[in-house]
Amino acid sequence: MKQRMLITACCLVMLGGCATQTKVPASAETLMKPVSAQAAWQQRQADFARMMSWRLQGKVGLQFKDQSASFNLSWLQNGTDQYEMNIKNPLTGSIMAYLKGNRSDVTLQANGKTYKDASAERLLHGQLGVSLPLEGMKYWVRGVPSPDSPVEQVKLDALGRPEMLQQAGWLVEYTGWKGNDWKALPEKINLSRAPDNTKVKVIAKDWQTRY
């Protein structure tokens, strides 16, 4: 009798274990692995819109008109409006400029002086001669379009990541990724604007994100 009860109990345990291994609902499977490149592209934009903060550390090379420059960059973005940037000497690693701003107030510290403006792009160009489309770049460097202007053209790879994105007069091309899936962050980004022959090359060394 005791042996029969033990066998029955073992069977119940085995059945209970099998019951916990339920199949993932089809809707959840779709969320985890998009079924097409276009679906992955849409999901990428939706997921990245929830990103609370991110930090990019890497190198930037600039060419505009007859001038060129290169520097290391540490960019911390909180939400869509608040950010901090350290622009560093590529050889020594020393900080050449520090930029901090939000939607309406930007402060730049460089050459022992402090400058203020409502536009980070205008402030960088006026004081350092650096032309960066920061409003668009805070989206483009992550491989998603800015919601502030229409997308003129986009070309996706088989995983739904952008190979090319055209927006706000800029052509953004992606030639390397930090990962092998649809939500990978870019490693190599080339930006160009034809009218003034401006080119920006970004190489991401390290990404940190928080949702």
C-alpha atoms as a PDB file:
ATOM      1  CA  MET A   1       0.000   0.000   0.000  1.00  0.00           C
ATOM      2  CA  LYS A   2       2.778   2.428   0.927  1.00  0.00           C
ATOM      3  CA  GLN A   3       4.626   1.556  -2.296  1.00  0.00           C
ATOM      4  CA  ARG A   4       1.497   2.314  -4.364  1.00  0.00           C
ATOM      5  CA  MET A   5       1.042   5.677  -2.614  1.00  0.00           C
ATOM      6  CA  LEU A   6       4.706   6.546  -3.281  1.00  0.00           C
ATOM      7  CA  ILE A   7       4.354   5.749  -6.981  1.00  0.00           C
ATOM      8  CA  THR A   8       1.188   7.852  -7.170  1.00  0.00           C
ATOM      9  CA  ALA A   9       2.935  10.803  -5.481  1.00  0.00           C
ATOM     10  CA  CYS A  10       5.868  10.565  -7.884  1.00  0.00           C
ATOM     11  CA  CYS A  11       3.503  10.611 -10.843  1.00  0.00           C
ATOM     12  CA  LEU A  12       1.778  13.715  -9.496  1.00  0.00           C
ATOM     13  CA  VAL A  13       5.125  15.494  -9.052  1.00  0.00           C
ATOM     14  CA  MET A  14       6.117  14.608 -12.610  1.00  0.00           C
ATOM     15  CA  LEU A  15       2.801  15.844 -13.973  1.00  0.00           C
ATOM     16  CA  GLY A  16       3.129  19.045 -11.964  1.00  0.00           C
ATOM     17  CA  GLY A  17       6.587  19.635 -13.400  1.00  0.00           C
ATOM     18  CA  CYS A  18       5.307  19.112 -16.928  1.00  0.00           C
ATOM     19  CA  ALA A  19       2.439  21.534 -16.304  1.00  0.00           C
ATOM     20  CA  THR A  20       4.856  24.415 -15.586  1.00  0.00           C
ATOM     21  CA  GLN A  21       6.491  24.107 -19.010  1.00  0.00           C
ATOM     22  CA  THR A  22       3.671  25.810 -20.841  1.00  0.00           C
ATOM     23  CA  LYS A  23       4.114  27.040 -24.386  1.00  0.00           C
ATOM     24  CA  VAL A  24       4.836  30.754 -24.797  1.00  0.00           C
ATOM     25  CA  PRO A  25       1.771  32.492 -26.279  1.00  0.00           C
ATOM     26  CA  ALA A  26       2.105  33.379 -29.927  1.00  0.00           C
ATOM     27  CA  SER A  27       1.792  37.086 -29.139  1.00  0.00           C
ATOM     28  CA  ALA A  28       4.753  36.935 -26.707  1.00  0.00           C
ATOM     29  CA  GLU A  29       6.840  35.032 -29.241  1.00  0.00           C
ATOM     30  CA  THR A  30       6.178  37.751 -31.774  1.00  0.00           C
ATOM     31  CA  LEU A  31       7.332  40.400 -29.297  1.00  0.00           C
ATOM     32  CA  MET A  32      10.559  38.516 -28.628  1.00  0.00           C
ATOM     33  CA  LYS A  33      11.382  37.792 -32.257  1.00  0.00           C
ATOM     34  CA  PRO A  34       9.758  39.949 -34.959  1.00  0.00           C
ATOM     35  CA  VAL A  35       8.605  37.998 -37.981  1.00  0.00           C
ATOM     36  CA  SER A  36       9.899  40.427 -40.620  1.00  0.00           C
ATOM     37  CA  ALA A  37      12.442  43.195 -41.110  1.00  0.00           C
ATOM     38  CA  GLN A  38       9.681  45.823 -41.168  1.00  0.00           C
ATOM     39  CA  ALA A  39       8.152  44.467 -37.956  1.00  0.00           C
ATOM     40  CA  ALA A  40      11.571  44.519 -36.276  1.00  0.00           C
ATOM     41  CA  TRP A  41      12.103  48.114 -37.434  1.00  0.00           C
ATOM     42  CA  GLN A  42       8.784  49.201 -35.905  1.00  0.00           C
ATOM     43  CA  GLN A  43       9.482  47.327 -32.680  1.00  0.00           C
ATOM     44  CA  ARG A  44      12.991  48.784 -32.483  1.00  0.00           C
ATOM     45  CA  GLN A  45      11.581  52.310 -32.571  1.00  0.00           C
ATOM     46  CA  ALA A  46       8.918  51.496 -29.960  1.00  0.00           C
ATOM     47  CA  ASP A  47      11.410  49.828 -27.602  1.00  0.00           C
ATOM     48  CA  PHE A  48      14.069  52.518 -27.917  1.00  0.00           C
ATOM     49  CA  ALA A  49      11.471  55.229 -27.251  1.00  0.00           C
ATOM     50  CA  ARG A  50      11.165  53.722 -23.751  1.00  0.00           C
ATOM     51  CA  MET A  51      14.896  54.052 -23.100  1.00  0.00           C
ATOM     52  CA  MET A  52      15.260  56.257 -20.004  1.00  0.00           C
ATOM     53  CA  SER A  53      18.961  57.004 -20.385  1.00  0.00           C
ATOM     54  CA  TRP A  54      22.059  55.972 -22.314  1.00  0.00           C
ATOM     55  CA  ARG A  55      25.775  56.659 -22.453  1.00  0.00           C
ATOM     56  CA  LEU A  56      27.911  56.527 -25.573  1.00  0.00           C
ATOM     57  CA  GLN A  57      31.696  56.577 -25.389  1.00  0.00           C
ATOM     58  CA  GLY A  58      33.640  56.683 -28.610  1.00  0.00           C
ATOM     59  CA  LYS A  59      35.483  58.688 -31.239  1.00  0.00           C
ATOM     60  CA  VAL A  60      34.231  61.388 -33.609  1.00  0.00           C
ATOM     61  CA  GLY A  61      35.832  62.628 -36.801  1.00  0.00           C
ATOM     62  CA  LEU A  62      34.613  65.788 -38.569  1.00  0.00           C
ATOM     63  CA  GLN A  63      35.133  67.260 -42.015  1.00  0.00           C
ATOM     64  CA  PHE A  64      33.464  70.496 -43.062  1.00  0.00           C
ATOM     65  CA  LYS A  65      34.503  72.762 -45.909  1.00  0.00           C
ATOM     66  CA  ASP A  66      38.305  72.892 -45.685  1.00  0.00           C
ATOM     67  CA  GLN A  67      38.548  72.023 -41.979  1.00  0.00           C
ATOM     68  CA  SER A  68      38.761  68.753 -40.060  1.00  0.00           C
ATOM     69  CA  ALA A  69      38.828  67.720 -36.422  1.00  0.00           C
ATOM     70  CA  SER A  70      38.739  64.593 -34.286  1.00  0.00           C
ATOM     71  CA  PHE A  71      38.055  63.994 -30.611  1.00  0.00           C
ATOM     72  CA  ASN A  72      36.891  61.424 -28.102  1.00  0.00           C
ATOM     73  CA  LEU A  73      33.349  61.783 -26.841  1.00  0.00           C
ATOM     74  CA  SER A  74      31.500  60.707 -23.719  1.00  0.00           C
ATOM     75  CA  TRP A  75      27.789  61.453 -24.163  1.00  0.00           C
ATOM     76  CA  LEU A  76      25.284  60.879 -21.344  1.00  0.00           C
ATOM     77  CA  GLN A  77      21.631  61.363 -22.339  1.00  0.00           C
ATOM     78  CA  ASN A  78      18.768  61.378 -19.813  1.00  0.00           C
ATOM     79  CA  GLY A  79      15.397  61.253 -21.544  1.00  0.00           C
ATOM     80  CA  THR A  80      15.116  63.341 -24.687  1.00  0.00           C
ATOM     81  CA  ASP A  81      16.143  66.711 -23.243  1.00  0.00           C
ATOM     82  CA  GLN A  82      18.872  66.457 -20.605  1.00  0.00           C
ATOM     83  CA  TYR A  83      22.434  65.595 -21.580  1.00  0.00           C
ATOM     84  CA  GLU A  84      26.083  65.961 -20.649  1.00  0.00           C
ATOM     85  CA  MET A  85      29.056  65.678 -22.987  1.00  0.00           C
ATOM     86  CA  ASN A  86      32.777  65.510 -22.393  1.00  0.00           C
ATOM     87  CA  ILE A  87      34.827  66.320 -25.496  1.00  0.00           C
ATOM     88  CA  LYS A  88      38.315  64.922 -24.976  1.00  0.00           C
ATOM     89  CA  ASN A  89      41.712  65.198 -26.596  1.00  0.00           C
ATOM     90  CA  PRO A  90      42.159  61.968 -28.631  1.00  0.00           C
ATOM     91  CA  LEU A  91      45.835  61.709 -27.697  1.00  0.00           C
ATOM     92  CA  THR A  92      45.937  62.654 -24.006  1.00  0.00           C
ATOM     93  CA  GLY A  93      42.342  61.966 -22.954  1.00  0.00           C
ATOM     94  CA  SER A  94      42.124  65.350 -21.237  1.00  0.00           C
ATOM     95  CA  ILE A  95      38.782  67.165 -21.349  1.00  0.00           C
ATOM     96  CA  MET A  96      38.810  69.993 -23.913  1.00  0.00           C
ATOM     97  CA  ALA A  97      35.181  70.992 -23.432  1.00  0.00           C
ATOM     98  CA  TYR A  98      32.198  70.116 -21.261  1.00  0.00           C
ATOM     99  CA  LEU A  99      28.653  70.596 -22.515  1.00  0.00           C
ATOM    100  CA  LYS A 100      25.531  70.347 -20.373  1.00  0.00           C
ATOM    101  CA  GLY A 101      22.024  71.215 -21.410  1.00  0.00           C
ATOM    102  CA  ASN A 102      18.294  70.701 -21.563  1.00  0.00           C
ATOM    103  CA  ARG A 103      15.524  71.858 -23.864  1.00  0.00           C
ATOM    104  CA  SER A 104      16.104  75.595 -23.318  1.00  0.00           C
ATOM    105  CA  ASP A 105      19.402  76.135 -21.508  1.00  0.00           C
ATOM    106  CA  VAL A 106      22.877  74.989 -22.611  1.00  0.00           C
ATOM    107  CA  THR A 107      26.218  75.605 -20.899  1.00  0.00           C
ATOM    108  CA  LEU A 108      29.623  75.076 -22.483  1.00  0.00           C
ATOM    109  CA  GLN A 109      32.887  75.158 -20.528  1.00  0.00           C
ATOM    110  CA  ALA A 110      36.000  75.444 -22.692  1.00  0.00           C
ATOM    111  CA  ASN A 111      39.329  77.266 -22.635  1.00  0.00           C
ATOM    112  CA  GLY A 112      38.765  78.280 -19.030  1.00  0.00           C
ATOM    113  CA  LYS A 113      35.542  80.117 -19.885  1.00  0.00           C
ATOM    114  CA  THR A 114      31.825  79.436 -19.602  1.00  0.00           C
ATOM    115  CA  TYR A 115      29.376  80.116 -22.422  1.00  0.00           C
ATOM    116  CA  LYS A 116      25.585  79.932 -22.465  1.00  0.00           C
ATOM    117  CA  ASP A 117      23.020  79.664 -25.236  1.00  0.00           C
ATOM    118  CA  ALA A 118      19.622  78.144 -25.955  1.00  0.00           C
ATOM    119  CA  SER A 119      21.079  75.974 -28.755  1.00  0.00           C
ATOM    120  CA  ALA A 120      23.842  73.412 -28.239  1.00  0.00           C
ATOM    121  CA  GLU A 121      24.530  73.219 -31.965  1.00  0.00           C
ATOM    122  CA  ARG A 122      24.973  76.984 -32.225  1.00  0.00           C
ATOM    123  CA  LEU A 123      27.121  77.088 -29.098  1.00  0.00           C
ATOM    124  CA  LEU A 124      29.497  74.336 -30.295  1.00  0.00           C
ATOM    125  CA  HIS A 125      29.811  75.856 -33.742  1.00  0.00           C
ATOM    126  CA  GLY A 126      30.368  79.383 -32.474  1.00  0.00           C
ATOM    127  CA  GLN A 127      32.899  78.608 -29.747  1.00  0.00           C
ATOM    128  CA  LEU A 128      34.667  75.456 -30.976  1.00  0.00           C
ATOM    129  CA  GLY A 129      33.978  75.487 -34.701  1.00  0.00           C
ATOM    130  CA  VAL A 130      32.368  72.042 -34.381  1.00  0.00           C
ATOM    131  CA  SER A 131      29.321  71.381 -36.554  1.00  0.00           C
ATOM    132  CA  LEU A 132      27.225  68.553 -35.094  1.00  0.00           C
ATOM    133  CA  PRO A 133      23.475  67.970 -35.678  1.00  0.00           C
ATOM    134  CA  LEU A 134      22.894  67.079 -32.036  1.00  0.00           C
ATOM    135  CA  GLU A 135      19.094  67.237 -32.146  1.00  0.00           C
ATOM    136  CA  GLY A 136      18.995  64.477 -34.718  1.00  0.00           C
ATOM    137  CA  MET A 137      22.079  62.639 -33.503  1.00  0.00           C
ATOM    138  CA  LYS A 138      20.565  61.768 -30.131  1.00  0.00           C
ATOM    139  CA  TYR A 139      18.325  59.415 -32.130  1.00  0.00           C
ATOM    140  CA  TRP A 140      20.535  58.557 -35.113  1.00  0.00           C
ATOM    141  CA  VAL A 141      23.459  57.311 -33.023  1.00  0.00           C
ATOM    142  CA  ARG A 142      21.129  54.623 -31.643  1.00  0.00           C
ATOM    143  CA  GLY A 143      19.890  53.609 -35.086  1.00  0.00           C
ATOM    144  CA  VAL A 144      16.395  55.123 -34.955  1.00  0.00           C
ATOM    145  CA  PRO A 145      14.885  58.193 -36.658  1.00  0.00           C
ATOM    146  CA  SER A 146      14.092  61.439 -34.902  1.00  0.00           C
ATOM    147  CA  PRO A 147      10.352  61.942 -34.250  1.00  0.00           C
ATOM    148  CA  ASP A 148      10.765  65.666 -34.931  1.00  0.00           C
ATOM    149  CA  SER A 149      10.923  65.551 -38.742  1.00  0.00           C
ATOM    150  CA  PRO A 150       9.726  63.292 -41.575  1.00  0.00           C
ATOM    151  CA  VAL A 151      11.901  60.377 -42.670  1.00  0.00           C
ATOM    152  CA  GLU A 152      12.834  60.991 -46.287  1.00  0.00           C
ATOM    153  CA  GLN A 153      14.216  57.532 -46.918  1.00  0.00           C
ATOM    154  CA  VAL A 154      15.241  54.406 -45.018  1.00  0.00           C
ATOM    155  CA  LYS A 155      16.872  51.140 -46.088  1.00  0.00           C
ATOM    156  CA  LEU A 156      16.764  48.159 -43.733  1.00  0.00           C
ATOM    157  CA  ASP A 157      18.933  45.073 -43.477  1.00  0.00           C
ATOM    158  CA  ALA A 158      17.506  41.564 -43.098  1.00  0.00           C
ATOM    159  CA  LEU A 159      17.224  42.032 -39.298  1.00  0.00           C
ATOM    160  CA  GLY A 160      15.261  45.275 -39.547  1.00  0.00           C
ATOM    161  CA  ARG A 161      18.174  47.552 -38.644  1.00  0.00           C
ATOM    162  CA  PRO A 162      18.796  50.650 -40.758  1.00  0.00           C
ATOM    163  CA  GLU A 163      21.570  50.487 -43.308  1.00  0.00           C
ATOM    164  CA  MET A 164      20.754  54.011 -44.445  1.00  0.00           C
ATOM    165  CA  LEU A 165      18.517  56.732 -43.030  1.00  0.00           C
ATOM    166  CA  GLN A 166      17.831  60.106 -44.641  1.00  0.00           C
ATOM    167  CA  GLN A 167      16.264  62.826 -42.511  1.00  0.00           C
ATOM    168  CA  ALA A 168      16.416  66.594 -41.962  1.00  0.00           C
ATOM    169  CA  GLY A 169      18.880  67.032 -44.816  1.00  0.00           C
ATOM    170  CA  TRP A 170      21.320  64.466 -43.413  1.00  0.00           C
ATOM    171  CA  LEU A 171      22.285  61.067 -44.799  1.00  0.00           C
ATOM    172  CA  VAL A 172      23.062  58.572 -42.024  1.00  0.00           C
ATOM    173  CA  GLU A 173      24.776  55.290 -42.926  1.00  0.00           C
ATOM    174  CA  TYR A 174      25.409  52.361 -40.570  1.00  0.00           C
ATOM    175  CA  THR A 175      28.362  50.076 -41.282  1.00  0.00           C
ATOM    176  CA  GLY A 176      28.824  48.186 -38.000  1.00  0.00           C
ATOM    177  CA  TRP A 177      26.775  46.980 -35.029  1.00  0.00           C
ATOM    178  CA  LYS A 178      27.398  46.019 -31.393  1.00  0.00           C
ATOM    179  CA  GLY A 179      25.524  42.724 -31.657  1.00  0.00           C
ATOM    180  CA  ASN A 180      23.816  40.397 -34.101  1.00  0.00           C
ATOM    181  CA  ASP A 181      20.099  40.987 -33.545  1.00  0.00           C
ATOM    182  CA  TRP A 182      17.457  43.566 -34.442  1.00  0.00           C
ATOM    183  CA  LYS A 183      17.961  45.602 -31.242  1.00  0.00           C
ATOM    184  CA  ALA A 184      21.757  45.910 -31.504  1.00  0.00           C
ATOM    185  CA  LEU A 185      23.217  49.391 -31.082  1.00  0.00           C
ATOM    186  CA  PRO A 186      25.399  50.917 -33.808  1.00  0.00           C
ATOM    187  CA  GLU A 187      29.175  50.682 -33.737  1.00  0.00           C
ATOM    188  CA  LYS A 188      30.060  52.691 -36.871  1.00  0.00           C
ATOM    189  CA  ILE A 189      27.975  55.597 -38.162  1.00  0.00           C
ATOM    190  CA  ASN A 190      28.660  57.972 -41.042  1.00  0.00           C
ATOM    191  CA  LEU A 191      26.694  61.219 -41.375  1.00  0.00           C
ATOM    192  CA  SER A 192      26.904  63.572 -44.330  1.00  0.00           C
ATOM    193  CA  ARG A 193      25.193  66.720 -45.564  1.00  0.00           C
ATOM    194  CA  ALA A 194      25.763  67.553 -49.221  1.00  0.00           C
ATOM    195  CA  PRO A 195      25.137  71.335 -49.461  1.00  0.00           C
ATOM    196  CA  ASP A 196      28.078  72.289 -47.204  1.00  0.00           C
ATOM    197  CA  ASN A 197      30.044  69.044 -47.631  1.00  0.00           C
ATOM    198  CA  THR A 198      29.921  68.235 -43.924  1.00  0.00           C
ATOM    199  CA  LYS A 199      30.866  64.719 -42.852  1.00  0.00           C
ATOM    200  CA  VAL A 200      30.752  63.178 -39.386  1.00  0.00           C
ATOM    201  CA  LYS A 201      32.092  59.736 -38.497  1.00  0.00           C
ATOM    202  CA  VAL A 202      31.202  58.184 -35.143  1.00  0.00           C
ATOM    203  CA  ILE A 203      32.826  55.031 -33.778  1.00  0.00           C
ATOM    204  CA  ALA A 204      31.100  53.741 -30.647  1.00  0.00           C
ATOM    205  CA  LYS A 205      33.513  52.042 -28.267  1.00  0.00           C
ATOM    206  CA  ASP A 206      31.051  51.396 -25.452  1.00  0.00           C
ATOM    207  CA  TRP A 207      27.282  51.607 -24.932  1.00  0.00           C
ATOM    208  CA  GLN A 208      25.358  51.662 -21.652  1.00  0.00           C
ATOM    209  CA  THR A 209      21.557  51.816 -21.623  1.00  0.00           C
ATOM    210  CA  ARG A 210      18.816  51.888 -18.999  1.00  0.00           C
ATOM    211  CA  TYR A 211      15.074  51.306 -19.431  1.00  0.00           C
END
